[in-house]
Amino acid sequence: MPATKDRTRPSRAASRPFTLWREVLTAYAAPALTAGTAGALTGQPDLTLAAATSIAGTSAVVALLVGTWLRRGGRPRPWTTALPRLVLTALLVVATAGTAAAAGWFAAQWLPAHTPLATALWLQRLRIDLPVSAALATAVITLRWRSTLAAPRT
């Protein structure tokens, strides 16, 4: 067996195609299981509930939106493939986390003031749950999508 890694074969991640429904399912299941387990083990029922709702739900919605936008009908935008992978990921993470933070603030501040919805602890959790979930889902989806693109030939 050679001592070096065989670089002629595609990586394991690159050999699997980017299938959006599978990525969205994973984006929901992974945070739901990890945050739900953490909530159960630490005795935090609010975290256990948030794991399956705001945390995993945000991750799945963001994964669907970002994945759909990146795929763009099977033809990626030229600048998304021209930028370095980490730069593209950082740009999209900042955009989605900022949007999710605004949505979390809106839900926590505006809804109780303008609707019959009382201020509740779960509304305050949205300020953190939404941007963190959006940032993680965006990073994973973007890196996963870029890993499935054909490498540029030189």
N, C-alpha and C. Protein backbone atom coordinates (compact mmCIF):
# COMPACT_ATOMS: atom_id res chain seq x y z
N MET A 1 0.85 -1.18 0.00
CA MET A 1 0.00 0.00 0.00
C MET A 1 0.89 1.23 0.00
N PRO A 2 0.62 2.19 -0.88
CA PRO A 2 1.46 3.37 -0.95
C PRO A 2 1.30 4.24 0.30
N ALA A 3 2.36 4.95 0.62
CA ALA A 3 2.36 5.80 1.80
C ALA A 3 1.64 7.11 1.57
N THR A 4 1.44 7.49 0.30
CA THR A 4 0.76 8.76 0.01
C THR A 4 -0.67 8.50 -0.44
N LYS A 5 -1.44 9.52 -0.33
CA LYS A 5 -2.85 9.44 -0.72
C LYS A 5 -2.95 9.47 -2.24
N ASP A 6 -3.82 8.66 -2.79
CA ASP A 6 -4.04 8.63 -4.24
C ASP A 6 -4.90 9.84 -4.62
N ARG A 7 -4.30 10.82 -5.26
CA ARG A 7 -5.00 12.05 -5.60
C ARG A 7 -5.65 12.00 -6.97
N THR A 8 -5.58 10.89 -7.65
CA THR A 8 -6.20 10.79 -8.97
C THR A 8 -7.68 10.47 -8.87
N ARG A 9 -8.09 9.84 -7.80
CA ARG A 9 -9.50 9.53 -7.59
C ARG A 9 -10.21 10.73 -6.99
N PRO A 10 -11.48 10.93 -7.35
CA PRO A 10 -12.23 12.04 -6.72
C PRO A 10 -12.46 11.74 -5.25
N SER A 11 -12.58 12.80 -4.46
CA SER A 11 -12.83 12.60 -3.03
C SER A 11 -14.21 11.98 -2.83
N ARG A 12 -14.40 11.44 -1.65
CA ARG A 12 -15.67 10.78 -1.35
C ARG A 12 -16.84 11.76 -1.45
N ALA A 13 -16.62 12.99 -0.95
CA ALA A 13 -17.70 14.00 -1.02
C ALA A 13 -17.99 14.39 -2.46
N ALA A 14 -16.96 14.49 -3.27
CA ALA A 14 -17.16 14.90 -4.66
C ALA A 14 -17.82 13.81 -5.49
N SER A 15 -17.71 12.56 -5.06
CA SER A 15 -18.29 11.48 -5.84
C SER A 15 -19.81 11.39 -5.65
N ARG A 16 -20.33 11.97 -4.58
CA ARG A 16 -21.78 11.98 -4.37
C ARG A 16 -22.38 13.22 -4.98
N PRO A 17 -23.41 13.08 -5.77
CA PRO A 17 -24.02 14.28 -6.39
C PRO A 17 -24.76 15.12 -5.35
N PHE A 18 -24.91 16.39 -5.65
CA PHE A 18 -25.64 17.32 -4.79
C PHE A 18 -27.12 17.13 -5.07
N THR A 19 -27.82 16.47 -4.17
CA THR A 19 -29.25 16.22 -4.29
C THR A 19 -29.95 17.07 -3.23
N LEU A 20 -30.68 18.06 -3.68
CA LEU A 20 -31.21 19.08 -2.77
C LEU A 20 -32.10 18.50 -1.68
N TRP A 21 -33.02 17.61 -2.03
CA TRP A 21 -33.93 17.09 -1.00
C TRP A 21 -33.15 16.35 0.09
N ARG A 22 -32.08 15.66 -0.28
CA ARG A 22 -31.26 14.94 0.70
C ARG A 22 -30.50 15.92 1.60
N GLU A 23 -30.03 16.99 0.99
CA GLU A 23 -29.31 18.01 1.75
C GLU A 23 -30.24 18.73 2.74
N VAL A 24 -31.47 19.00 2.31
CA VAL A 24 -32.44 19.66 3.19
C VAL A 24 -32.83 18.73 4.34
N LEU A 25 -33.02 17.47 4.05
CA LEU A 25 -33.35 16.50 5.09
C LEU A 25 -32.23 16.41 6.13
N THR A 26 -31.00 16.39 5.66
CA THR A 26 -29.85 16.36 6.56
C THR A 26 -29.76 17.66 7.36
N ALA A 27 -30.06 18.78 6.70
CA ALA A 27 -30.03 20.08 7.38
C ALA A 27 -31.08 20.15 8.49
N TYR A 28 -32.16 19.41 8.36
CA TYR A 28 -33.17 19.37 9.43
C TYR A 28 -32.76 18.37 10.51
N ALA A 29 -32.38 17.17 10.10
CA ALA A 29 -32.13 16.10 11.06
C ALA A 29 -30.91 16.34 11.94
N ALA A 30 -29.83 16.83 11.38
CA ALA A 30 -28.60 16.98 12.16
C ALA A 30 -28.76 17.93 13.35
N PRO A 31 -29.25 19.16 13.15
CA PRO A 31 -29.41 20.02 14.33
C PRO A 31 -30.54 19.56 15.25
N ALA A 32 -31.57 18.95 14.70
CA ALA A 32 -32.65 18.47 15.56
C ALA A 32 -32.13 17.39 16.51
N LEU A 33 -31.34 16.48 15.98
CA LEU A 33 -30.80 15.41 16.82
C LEU A 33 -29.76 15.92 17.82
N THR A 34 -28.84 16.76 17.37
CA THR A 34 -27.79 17.22 18.28
C THR A 34 -28.33 18.17 19.35
N ALA A 35 -29.11 19.16 18.96
CA ALA A 35 -29.66 20.09 19.95
C ALA A 35 -30.69 19.40 20.83
N GLY A 36 -31.48 18.51 20.25
CA GLY A 36 -32.46 17.78 21.05
C GLY A 36 -31.80 16.89 22.08
N THR A 37 -30.73 16.22 21.69
CA THR A 37 -29.98 15.39 22.64
C THR A 37 -29.35 16.24 23.73
N ALA A 38 -28.77 17.37 23.35
CA ALA A 38 -28.17 18.26 24.35
C ALA A 38 -29.23 18.77 25.33
N GLY A 39 -30.40 19.12 24.81
CA GLY A 39 -31.48 19.59 25.68
C GLY A 39 -31.95 18.50 26.63
N ALA A 40 -32.04 17.28 26.13
CA ALA A 40 -32.48 16.17 26.98
C ALA A 40 -31.43 15.83 28.04
N LEU A 41 -30.17 15.83 27.65
CA LEU A 41 -29.11 15.47 28.60
C LEU A 41 -28.88 16.53 29.66
N THR A 42 -29.08 17.79 29.31
CA THR A 42 -28.86 18.86 30.28
C THR A 42 -30.13 19.29 31.00
N GLY A 43 -31.25 18.65 30.69
CA GLY A 43 -32.50 18.97 31.37
C GLY A 43 -33.08 20.31 30.98
N GLN A 44 -32.95 20.68 29.72
CA GLN A 44 -33.51 21.95 29.23
C GLN A 44 -34.64 21.65 28.25
N PRO A 45 -35.87 21.56 28.73
CA PRO A 45 -36.98 21.23 27.83
C PRO A 45 -37.21 22.28 26.75
N ASP A 46 -36.88 23.55 27.02
CA ASP A 46 -37.04 24.57 25.99
C ASP A 46 -36.07 24.34 24.83
N LEU A 47 -34.86 23.88 25.12
CA LEU A 47 -33.91 23.57 24.06
C LEU A 47 -34.36 22.33 23.28
N THR A 48 -34.90 21.37 23.96
CA THR A 48 -35.39 20.17 23.28
C THR A 48 -36.52 20.52 22.31
N LEU A 49 -37.41 21.39 22.73
CA LEU A 49 -38.50 21.82 21.85
C LEU A 49 -37.98 22.69 20.70
N ALA A 50 -37.08 23.61 21.02
CA ALA A 50 -36.52 24.48 19.98
C ALA A 50 -35.71 23.68 18.96
N ALA A 51 -35.14 22.58 19.38
CA ALA A 51 -34.33 21.76 18.46
C ALA A 51 -35.16 21.30 17.27
N ALA A 52 -36.37 20.89 17.52
CA ALA A 52 -37.21 20.36 16.44
C ALA A 52 -38.00 21.45 15.72
N THR A 53 -38.03 22.65 16.29
CA THR A 53 -38.83 23.70 15.67
C THR A 53 -37.95 24.80 15.09
N SER A 54 -37.56 25.76 15.90
CA SER A 54 -36.84 26.93 15.36
C SER A 54 -35.43 26.59 14.88
N ILE A 55 -34.73 25.72 15.54
CA ILE A 55 -33.35 25.42 15.15
C ILE A 55 -33.33 24.59 13.86
N ALA A 56 -33.96 23.43 13.90
CA ALA A 56 -33.95 22.55 12.73
C ALA A 56 -34.79 23.11 11.59
N GLY A 57 -35.89 23.75 11.92
CA GLY A 57 -36.73 24.33 10.88
C GLY A 57 -36.01 25.43 10.11
N THR A 58 -35.32 26.29 10.84
CA THR A 58 -34.54 27.34 10.18
C THR A 58 -33.45 26.73 9.30
N SER A 59 -32.77 25.73 9.82
CA SER A 59 -31.72 25.08 9.04
C SER A 59 -32.26 24.49 7.74
N ALA A 60 -33.39 23.83 7.81
CA ALA A 60 -33.96 23.22 6.61
C ALA A 60 -34.42 24.27 5.60
N VAL A 61 -35.08 25.32 6.07
CA VAL A 61 -35.56 26.37 5.16
C VAL A 61 -34.38 27.08 4.50
N VAL A 62 -33.36 27.40 5.28
CA VAL A 62 -32.19 28.08 4.73
C VAL A 62 -31.46 27.17 3.75
N ALA A 63 -31.33 25.89 4.09
CA ALA A 63 -30.67 24.94 3.18
C ALA A 63 -31.44 24.85 1.86
N LEU A 64 -32.75 24.84 1.92
CA LEU A 64 -33.56 24.79 0.71
C LEU A 64 -33.38 26.06 -0.13
N LEU A 65 -33.45 27.21 0.51
CA LEU A 65 -33.32 28.47 -0.22
C LEU A 65 -31.92 28.66 -0.81
N VAL A 66 -30.90 28.42 -0.01
CA VAL A 66 -29.52 28.60 -0.49
C VAL A 66 -29.19 27.56 -1.54
N GLY A 67 -29.59 26.31 -1.32
CA GLY A 67 -29.32 25.26 -2.30
C GLY A 67 -30.01 25.53 -3.62
N THR A 68 -31.24 25.99 -3.57
CA THR A 68 -31.98 26.32 -4.79
C THR A 68 -31.32 27.49 -5.51
N TRP A 69 -30.91 28.49 -4.75
CA TRP A 69 -30.27 29.66 -5.33
C TRP A 69 -28.92 29.28 -5.96
N LEU A 70 -28.15 28.45 -5.29
CA LEU A 70 -26.85 28.04 -5.82
C LEU A 70 -27.00 27.22 -7.10
N ARG A 71 -27.97 26.32 -7.10
CA ARG A 71 -28.15 25.45 -8.27
C ARG A 71 -28.68 26.22 -9.47
N ARG A 72 -29.59 27.13 -9.25
CA ARG A 72 -30.15 27.99 -10.31
C ARG A 72 -30.48 27.21 -11.57
N GLY A 73 -31.29 26.22 -11.44
CA GLY A 73 -31.72 25.44 -12.60
C GLY A 73 -30.61 24.59 -13.21
N GLY A 74 -29.62 24.21 -12.42
CA GLY A 74 -28.55 23.37 -12.93
C GLY A 74 -27.37 24.14 -13.48
N ARG A 75 -27.52 25.45 -13.67
CA ARG A 75 -26.41 26.27 -14.18
C ARG A 75 -26.00 27.26 -13.10
N PRO A 76 -24.86 27.04 -12.47
CA PRO A 76 -24.45 27.98 -11.42
C PRO A 76 -24.09 29.35 -11.99
N ARG A 77 -24.25 30.37 -11.19
CA ARG A 77 -23.84 31.71 -11.59
C ARG A 77 -22.32 31.72 -11.74
N PRO A 78 -21.80 32.41 -12.72
CA PRO A 78 -20.35 32.38 -12.94
C PRO A 78 -19.53 32.86 -11.74
N TRP A 79 -20.01 33.88 -11.03
CA TRP A 79 -19.21 34.38 -9.91
C TRP A 79 -19.19 33.41 -8.73
N THR A 80 -20.20 32.54 -8.62
CA THR A 80 -20.19 31.58 -7.50
C THR A 80 -19.16 30.49 -7.70
N THR A 81 -18.79 30.25 -8.94
CA THR A 81 -17.74 29.26 -9.19
C THR A 81 -16.37 29.90 -9.33
N ALA A 82 -16.32 31.22 -9.60
CA ALA A 82 -15.05 31.91 -9.77
C ALA A 82 -14.42 32.30 -8.42
N LEU A 83 -15.25 32.63 -7.45
CA LEU A 83 -14.73 33.02 -6.14
C LEU A 83 -14.12 31.81 -5.44
N PRO A 84 -13.11 32.04 -4.61
CA PRO A 84 -12.62 30.93 -3.78
C PRO A 84 -13.74 30.40 -2.88
N ARG A 85 -13.70 29.13 -2.61
CA ARG A 85 -14.77 28.46 -1.87
C ARG A 85 -15.05 29.13 -0.52
N LEU A 86 -14.01 29.47 0.22
CA LEU A 86 -14.21 30.06 1.54
C LEU A 86 -14.75 31.49 1.46
N VAL A 87 -14.38 32.23 0.43
CA VAL A 87 -14.90 33.59 0.25
C VAL A 87 -16.40 33.53 -0.08
N LEU A 88 -16.78 32.65 -0.99
CA LEU A 88 -18.20 32.48 -1.31
C LEU A 88 -18.98 32.07 -0.07
N THR A 89 -18.45 31.12 0.67
CA THR A 89 -19.12 30.65 1.88
C THR A 89 -19.29 31.79 2.88
N ALA A 90 -18.23 32.58 3.10
CA ALA A 90 -18.31 33.69 4.05
C ALA A 90 -19.34 34.73 3.62
N LEU A 91 -19.36 35.07 2.33
CA LEU A 91 -20.34 36.04 1.84
C LEU A 91 -21.77 35.57 2.06
N LEU A 92 -22.03 34.32 1.72
CA LEU A 92 -23.39 33.80 1.89
C LEU A 92 -23.77 33.64 3.36
N VAL A 93 -22.82 33.26 4.20
CA VAL A 93 -23.09 33.12 5.63
C VAL A 93 -23.45 34.48 6.23
N VAL A 94 -22.71 35.51 5.89
CA VAL A 94 -23.01 36.85 6.41
C VAL A 94 -24.40 37.31 5.95
N ALA A 95 -24.71 37.06 4.69
CA ALA A 95 -26.01 37.48 4.16
C ALA A 95 -27.17 36.73 4.83
N THR A 96 -27.06 35.42 4.94
CA THR A 96 -28.17 34.66 5.52
C THR A 96 -28.27 34.86 7.03
N ALA A 97 -27.14 34.95 7.72
CA ALA A 97 -27.19 35.16 9.17
C ALA A 97 -27.74 36.55 9.48
N GLY A 98 -27.39 37.54 8.68
CA GLY A 98 -27.94 38.88 8.87
C GLY A 98 -29.44 38.92 8.65
N THR A 99 -29.88 38.26 7.60
CA THR A 99 -31.32 38.19 7.32
C THR A 99 -32.05 37.45 8.43
N ALA A 100 -31.49 36.35 8.89
CA ALA A 100 -32.11 35.58 9.96
C ALA A 100 -32.11 36.34 11.28
N ALA A 101 -31.05 37.10 11.54
CA ALA A 101 -31.00 37.92 12.76
C ALA A 101 -32.10 38.99 12.73
N ALA A 102 -32.30 39.58 11.56
CA ALA A 102 -33.38 40.57 11.43
C ALA A 102 -34.74 39.92 11.64
N ALA A 103 -34.91 38.72 11.10
CA ALA A 103 -36.19 38.00 11.29
C ALA A 103 -36.37 37.63 12.76
N GLY A 104 -35.30 37.22 13.43
CA GLY A 104 -35.39 36.88 14.85
C GLY A 104 -35.72 38.09 15.71
N TRP A 105 -35.10 39.23 15.39
CA TRP A 105 -35.41 40.46 16.12
C TRP A 105 -36.86 40.86 15.89
N PHE A 106 -37.30 40.78 14.63
CA PHE A 106 -38.68 41.12 14.29
C PHE A 106 -39.65 40.26 15.09
N ALA A 107 -39.40 38.97 15.11
CA ALA A 107 -40.30 38.06 15.83
C ALA A 107 -40.30 38.34 17.33
N ALA A 108 -39.14 38.62 17.89
CA ALA A 108 -39.05 38.82 19.33
C ALA A 108 -39.57 40.18 19.78
N GLN A 109 -39.44 41.21 18.95
CA GLN A 109 -39.83 42.55 19.34
C GLN A 109 -41.20 42.97 18.80
N TRP A 110 -41.39 42.80 17.54
CA TRP A 110 -42.58 43.34 16.90
C TRP A 110 -43.82 42.51 17.18
N LEU A 111 -43.70 41.20 17.10
CA LEU A 111 -44.88 40.35 17.28
C LEU A 111 -45.59 40.56 18.62
N PRO A 112 -44.89 40.54 19.76
CA PRO A 112 -45.61 40.75 21.02
C PRO A 112 -46.21 42.16 21.15
N ALA A 113 -45.59 43.13 20.51
CA ALA A 113 -46.09 44.51 20.63
C ALA A 113 -47.30 44.78 19.74
N HIS A 114 -47.45 44.02 18.66
CA HIS A 114 -48.49 44.33 17.68
C HIS A 114 -49.50 43.20 17.46
N THR A 115 -49.36 42.14 18.17
CA THR A 115 -50.30 41.02 18.03
C THR A 115 -50.70 40.56 19.43
N PRO A 116 -51.72 39.73 19.52
CA PRO A 116 -52.10 39.22 20.83
C PRO A 116 -51.13 38.17 21.37
N LEU A 117 -50.05 37.92 20.67
CA LEU A 117 -49.05 36.95 21.09
C LEU A 117 -48.26 37.52 22.26
N ALA A 118 -48.30 36.85 23.39
CA ALA A 118 -47.60 37.33 24.57
C ALA A 118 -46.10 37.08 24.44
N THR A 119 -45.32 37.92 25.11
CA THR A 119 -43.88 37.71 25.12
C THR A 119 -43.59 36.39 25.83
N ALA A 120 -42.86 35.54 25.16
CA ALA A 120 -42.54 34.24 25.71
C ALA A 120 -41.05 33.98 25.55
N LEU A 121 -40.54 33.04 26.31
CA LEU A 121 -39.12 32.70 26.26
C LEU A 121 -38.72 32.22 24.87
N TRP A 122 -39.60 31.48 24.22
CA TRP A 122 -39.24 30.94 22.91
C TRP A 122 -39.09 32.04 21.87
N LEU A 123 -39.83 33.14 22.04
CA LEU A 123 -39.65 34.28 21.13
C LEU A 123 -38.28 34.91 21.30
N GLN A 124 -37.81 34.99 22.53
CA GLN A 124 -36.48 35.55 22.78
C GLN A 124 -35.38 34.63 22.26
N ARG A 125 -35.62 33.33 22.26
CA ARG A 125 -34.62 32.38 21.74
C ARG A 125 -34.39 32.58 20.25
N LEU A 126 -35.39 33.09 19.55
CA LEU A 126 -35.26 33.26 18.11
C LEU A 126 -34.13 34.21 17.73
N ARG A 127 -33.80 35.14 18.60
CA ARG A 127 -32.72 36.08 18.32
C ARG A 127 -31.38 35.35 18.12
N ILE A 128 -31.22 34.23 18.79
CA ILE A 128 -29.98 33.46 18.65
C ILE A 128 -30.19 32.25 17.75
N ASP A 129 -31.29 31.55 17.91
CA ASP A 129 -31.52 30.33 17.14
C ASP A 129 -31.51 30.57 15.64
N LEU A 130 -32.18 31.61 15.18
CA LEU A 130 -32.30 31.82 13.73
C LEU A 130 -30.97 32.15 13.06
N PRO A 131 -30.19 33.13 13.54
CA PRO A 131 -28.94 33.42 12.84
C PRO A 131 -27.90 32.30 12.94
N VAL A 132 -27.83 31.65 14.08
CA VAL A 132 -26.85 30.56 14.22
C VAL A 132 -27.22 29.40 13.31
N SER A 133 -28.49 29.03 13.29
CA SER A 133 -28.93 27.95 12.42
C SER A 133 -28.73 28.30 10.95
N ALA A 134 -29.04 29.53 10.59
CA ALA A 134 -28.88 29.97 9.20
C ALA A 134 -27.41 29.95 8.79
N ALA A 135 -26.55 30.42 9.67
CA ALA A 135 -25.11 30.45 9.35
C ALA A 135 -24.56 29.04 9.16
N LEU A 136 -24.90 28.14 10.06
CA LEU A 136 -24.40 26.76 9.95
C LEU A 136 -24.94 26.07 8.70
N ALA A 137 -26.23 26.20 8.45
CA ALA A 137 -26.81 25.56 7.28
C ALA A 137 -26.23 26.12 5.99
N THR A 138 -26.04 27.42 5.93
CA THR A 138 -25.47 28.04 4.74
C THR A 138 -24.04 27.56 4.50
N ALA A 139 -23.26 27.51 5.55
CA ALA A 139 -21.87 27.07 5.40
C ALA A 139 -21.81 25.62 4.90
N VAL A 140 -22.60 24.76 5.49
CA VAL A 140 -22.58 23.35 5.10
C VAL A 140 -23.08 23.18 3.66
N ILE A 141 -24.18 23.81 3.32
CA ILE A 141 -24.74 23.66 1.97
C ILE A 141 -23.80 24.24 0.92
N THR A 142 -23.24 25.41 1.18
CA THR A 142 -22.34 26.02 0.20
C THR A 142 -21.09 25.18 0.00
N LEU A 143 -20.47 24.74 1.08
CA LEU A 143 -19.27 23.91 0.95
C LEU A 143 -19.59 22.58 0.28
N ARG A 144 -20.72 22.01 0.61
CA ARG A 144 -21.12 20.74 0.00
C ARG A 144 -21.39 20.92 -1.50
N TRP A 145 -22.08 22.00 -1.86
CA TRP A 145 -22.36 22.27 -3.27
C TRP A 145 -21.08 22.48 -4.05
N ARG A 146 -20.16 23.28 -3.50
CA ARG A 146 -18.91 23.53 -4.21
C ARG A 146 -18.06 22.27 -4.34
N SER A 147 -18.16 21.36 -3.39
CA SER A 147 -17.36 20.13 -3.47
C SER A 147 -17.85 19.20 -4.58
N THR A 148 -19.08 19.40 -5.04
CA THR A 148 -19.60 18.53 -6.09
C THR A 148 -19.38 19.08 -7.50
N LEU A 149 -18.92 20.32 -7.60
CA LEU A 149 -18.66 20.89 -8.91
C LEU A 149 -17.39 20.29 -9.48
N ALA A 150 -17.36 20.18 -10.78
CA ALA A 150 -16.16 19.67 -11.44
C ALA A 150 -15.02 20.65 -11.23
N ALA A 151 -13.85 20.13 -10.94
CA ALA A 151 -12.68 20.97 -10.75
C ALA A 151 -12.28 21.61 -12.07
N PRO A 152 -11.86 22.87 -12.05
CA PRO A 152 -11.45 23.51 -13.29
C PRO A 152 -10.19 22.84 -13.85
N ARG A 153 -10.17 22.64 -15.14
CA ARG A 153 -9.02 21.99 -15.77
C ARG A 153 -7.98 23.03 -16.13
N THR A 154 -6.74 22.70 -15.81
CA THR A 154 -5.66 23.63 -16.12
C THR A 154 -4.72 23.07 -17.15
